[in-house]
Amino acid sequence: MNDPKFQQHGGASSAEHPPHGPYWKRMHHSPFFWVAAVFIMLAMTIYVVTNDLSFWPGKKAQQPVPALAP
C-alpha cells in the first residue's frame, strides 16, 4: 500500500480548500447544464411555433363560459 503509484497527491491539505467561486458561477462549465439549456430552448420553440401546442388551429372556437349569477 505504500507504493508511490497509488499515493494521493496533495495530502490532507488539498481536501481542506474550497472550490473556486460559488457553484452558480461555475455550473455553466458542466455539460449537464448545456444539455438542459438546449432541451428547455427546444421546448419553448416548439410551444411558440405550434401556437400553444394547438395542432388544429382551424378548430371551432369554444363557447364562452357564462358568468355566475349572484
N, C-alpha and C. Protein backbone atom coordinates (compact mmCIF):
# COMPACT_ATOMS: atom_id res chain seq x y z
N MET A 1 0.81 -1.19 0.00
CA MET A 1 0.00 0.00 0.00
C MET A 1 0.85 1.26 0.00
N ASN A 2 2.12 1.15 0.26
CA ASN A 2 2.99 2.31 0.26
C ASN A 2 3.64 2.53 -1.10
N ASP A 3 3.11 1.89 -2.11
CA ASP A 3 3.63 2.04 -3.46
C ASP A 3 3.37 3.48 -3.94
N PRO A 4 4.39 4.18 -4.47
CA PRO A 4 4.20 5.57 -4.87
C PRO A 4 3.17 5.75 -5.99
N LYS A 5 2.88 4.69 -6.76
CA LYS A 5 1.89 4.81 -7.83
C LYS A 5 0.49 5.04 -7.27
N PHE A 6 0.23 4.55 -6.07
CA PHE A 6 -1.11 4.59 -5.51
C PHE A 6 -1.29 5.66 -4.43
N GLN A 7 -0.32 6.50 -4.24
CA GLN A 7 -0.45 7.56 -3.24
C GLN A 7 -1.20 8.74 -3.83
N GLN A 8 -2.03 9.36 -3.01
CA GLN A 8 -2.77 10.53 -3.46
C GLN A 8 -1.86 11.75 -3.40
N HIS A 9 -1.97 12.57 -4.39
CA HIS A 9 -1.17 13.80 -4.43
C HIS A 9 -1.89 14.90 -3.69
N GLY A 10 -1.18 15.71 -3.01
CA GLY A 10 -1.74 16.85 -2.32
C GLY A 10 -1.94 16.62 -0.83
N GLY A 11 -2.06 15.41 -0.41
CA GLY A 11 -2.21 15.11 1.01
C GLY A 11 -3.53 15.60 1.57
N ALA A 12 -3.57 15.77 2.89
CA ALA A 12 -4.79 16.17 3.57
C ALA A 12 -5.14 17.63 3.31
N SER A 13 -4.15 18.45 3.00
CA SER A 13 -4.43 19.87 2.82
C SER A 13 -5.24 20.14 1.55
N SER A 14 -5.20 19.26 0.55
CA SER A 14 -5.96 19.52 -0.68
C SER A 14 -7.45 19.37 -0.44
N ALA A 15 -7.86 18.56 0.52
CA ALA A 15 -9.28 18.39 0.81
C ALA A 15 -9.83 19.57 1.61
N GLU A 16 -8.99 20.37 2.20
CA GLU A 16 -9.43 21.49 3.02
C GLU A 16 -9.78 22.73 2.20
N HIS A 17 -9.29 22.84 0.97
CA HIS A 17 -9.50 24.01 0.16
C HIS A 17 -10.88 23.95 -0.50
N PRO A 18 -11.68 25.00 -0.38
CA PRO A 18 -12.99 25.01 -1.04
C PRO A 18 -12.81 25.24 -2.54
N PRO A 19 -13.81 24.86 -3.34
CA PRO A 19 -13.71 25.13 -4.78
C PRO A 19 -13.71 26.63 -5.05
N HIS A 20 -13.17 27.01 -6.19
CA HIS A 20 -13.03 28.42 -6.53
C HIS A 20 -14.37 28.98 -6.99
N GLY A 21 -14.90 29.92 -6.28
CA GLY A 21 -16.14 30.60 -6.64
C GLY A 21 -17.37 29.79 -6.28
N PRO A 22 -18.52 30.46 -6.23
CA PRO A 22 -19.76 29.76 -5.91
C PRO A 22 -20.20 28.86 -7.07
N TYR A 23 -21.05 27.88 -6.76
CA TYR A 23 -21.45 26.89 -7.77
C TYR A 23 -22.20 27.53 -8.93
N TRP A 24 -23.06 28.52 -8.66
CA TRP A 24 -23.85 29.11 -9.73
C TRP A 24 -22.98 29.84 -10.75
N LYS A 25 -21.75 30.21 -10.37
CA LYS A 25 -20.86 30.87 -11.33
C LYS A 25 -20.07 29.86 -12.16
N ARG A 26 -19.90 28.65 -11.65
CA ARG A 26 -19.11 27.67 -12.39
C ARG A 26 -19.94 26.54 -12.96
N MET A 27 -21.28 26.57 -12.77
CA MET A 27 -22.10 25.48 -13.27
C MET A 27 -22.23 25.50 -14.79
N HIS A 28 -21.97 26.64 -15.42
CA HIS A 28 -22.07 26.68 -16.88
C HIS A 28 -20.93 25.91 -17.55
N HIS A 29 -19.99 25.41 -16.80
CA HIS A 29 -18.93 24.58 -17.36
C HIS A 29 -19.35 23.11 -17.44
N SER A 30 -20.48 22.77 -16.84
CA SER A 30 -20.96 21.40 -16.81
C SER A 30 -21.72 21.07 -18.09
N PRO A 31 -21.47 19.90 -18.68
CA PRO A 31 -22.24 19.52 -19.88
C PRO A 31 -23.72 19.30 -19.56
N PHE A 32 -24.06 18.91 -18.34
CA PHE A 32 -25.45 18.72 -17.97
C PHE A 32 -26.22 20.03 -18.05
N PHE A 33 -25.59 21.12 -17.69
CA PHE A 33 -26.23 22.43 -17.78
C PHE A 33 -26.57 22.75 -19.23
N TRP A 34 -25.64 22.52 -20.14
CA TRP A 34 -25.87 22.86 -21.54
C TRP A 34 -26.90 21.94 -22.19
N VAL A 35 -26.92 20.67 -21.80
CA VAL A 35 -27.94 19.75 -22.33
C VAL A 35 -29.32 20.21 -21.87
N ALA A 36 -29.44 20.56 -20.60
CA ALA A 36 -30.71 21.05 -20.07
C ALA A 36 -31.12 22.36 -20.75
N ALA A 37 -30.18 23.25 -20.98
CA ALA A 37 -30.48 24.53 -21.62
C ALA A 37 -30.99 24.31 -23.05
N VAL A 38 -30.38 23.38 -23.78
CA VAL A 38 -30.82 23.09 -25.15
C VAL A 38 -32.23 22.50 -25.13
N PHE A 39 -32.52 21.58 -24.22
CA PHE A 39 -33.86 20.99 -24.16
C PHE A 39 -34.92 22.03 -23.78
N ILE A 40 -34.59 22.93 -22.88
CA ILE A 40 -35.54 23.97 -22.49
C ILE A 40 -35.81 24.91 -23.67
N MET A 41 -34.77 25.31 -24.37
CA MET A 41 -34.96 26.18 -25.53
C MET A 41 -35.75 25.48 -26.63
N LEU A 42 -35.50 24.18 -26.84
CA LEU A 42 -36.24 23.41 -27.82
C LEU A 42 -37.72 23.34 -27.44
N ALA A 43 -38.01 23.10 -26.17
CA ALA A 43 -39.40 23.03 -25.73
C ALA A 43 -40.11 24.38 -25.91
N MET A 44 -39.42 25.47 -25.59
CA MET A 44 -40.03 26.79 -25.76
C MET A 44 -40.28 27.09 -27.24
N THR A 45 -39.35 26.72 -28.09
CA THR A 45 -39.50 26.94 -29.53
C THR A 45 -40.68 26.15 -30.09
N ILE A 46 -40.80 24.89 -29.70
CA ILE A 46 -41.92 24.07 -30.16
C ILE A 46 -43.24 24.67 -29.68
N TYR A 47 -43.29 25.13 -28.46
CA TYR A 47 -44.51 25.71 -27.91
C TYR A 47 -44.93 26.96 -28.68
N VAL A 48 -43.97 27.81 -29.01
CA VAL A 48 -44.29 29.04 -29.72
C VAL A 48 -44.66 28.76 -31.17
N VAL A 49 -43.90 27.89 -31.84
CA VAL A 49 -44.12 27.62 -33.26
C VAL A 49 -45.45 26.91 -33.49
N THR A 50 -45.87 26.06 -32.59
CA THR A 50 -47.11 25.30 -32.76
C THR A 50 -48.32 26.06 -32.22
N ASN A 51 -48.17 27.34 -31.92
CA ASN A 51 -49.27 28.17 -31.44
C ASN A 51 -49.88 27.57 -30.18
N ASP A 52 -49.11 27.50 -29.14
CA ASP A 52 -49.52 26.97 -27.84
C ASP A 52 -49.93 25.51 -27.91
N LEU A 53 -49.23 24.74 -28.71
CA LEU A 53 -49.45 23.31 -28.90
C LEU A 53 -50.84 22.98 -29.44
N SER A 54 -51.47 23.93 -30.14
CA SER A 54 -52.75 23.65 -30.79
C SER A 54 -52.45 23.20 -32.21
N PHE A 55 -52.53 21.92 -32.45
CA PHE A 55 -52.15 21.37 -33.74
C PHE A 55 -53.25 21.58 -34.78
N TRP A 56 -54.47 21.93 -34.37
CA TRP A 56 -55.56 22.19 -35.29
C TRP A 56 -56.05 23.61 -35.07
N PRO A 57 -55.39 24.61 -35.68
CA PRO A 57 -55.77 26.00 -35.42
C PRO A 57 -57.14 26.36 -36.01
N GLY A 58 -57.65 25.63 -36.99
CA GLY A 58 -58.93 25.95 -37.60
C GLY A 58 -60.11 25.34 -36.86
N LYS A 59 -59.88 24.77 -35.73
CA LYS A 59 -60.93 24.12 -34.95
C LYS A 59 -61.96 25.15 -34.48
N LYS A 60 -63.20 24.68 -34.28
CA LYS A 60 -64.27 25.57 -33.85
C LYS A 60 -63.92 26.22 -32.51
N ALA A 61 -64.22 27.50 -32.39
CA ALA A 61 -63.93 28.21 -31.13
C ALA A 61 -64.82 27.69 -30.03
N GLN A 62 -64.29 27.68 -28.81
CA GLN A 62 -65.06 27.22 -27.67
C GLN A 62 -66.12 28.24 -27.31
N GLN A 63 -67.22 27.74 -26.75
CA GLN A 63 -68.29 28.64 -26.30
C GLN A 63 -67.80 29.37 -25.05
N PRO A 64 -68.17 30.65 -24.92
CA PRO A 64 -67.75 31.39 -23.70
C PRO A 64 -68.44 30.80 -22.48
N VAL A 65 -67.76 30.85 -21.38
CA VAL A 65 -68.31 30.35 -20.12
C VAL A 65 -69.26 31.40 -19.57
N PRO A 66 -70.51 31.01 -19.25
CA PRO A 66 -71.46 32.01 -18.74
C PRO A 66 -71.05 32.46 -17.33
N ALA A 67 -71.32 33.71 -17.06
CA ALA A 67 -70.99 34.26 -15.74
C ALA A 67 -71.97 33.72 -14.72
N LEU A 68 -71.50 33.51 -13.52
CA LEU A 68 -72.38 33.03 -12.46
C LEU A 68 -73.22 34.17 -11.93
N ALA A 69 -74.51 33.90 -11.74
CA ALA A 69 -75.40 34.92 -11.19
C ALA A 69 -75.26 34.91 -9.67
N PRO A 70 -75.23 36.09 -9.06
CA PRO A 70 -75.10 36.11 -7.59
C PRO A 70 -76.34 35.66 -6.87
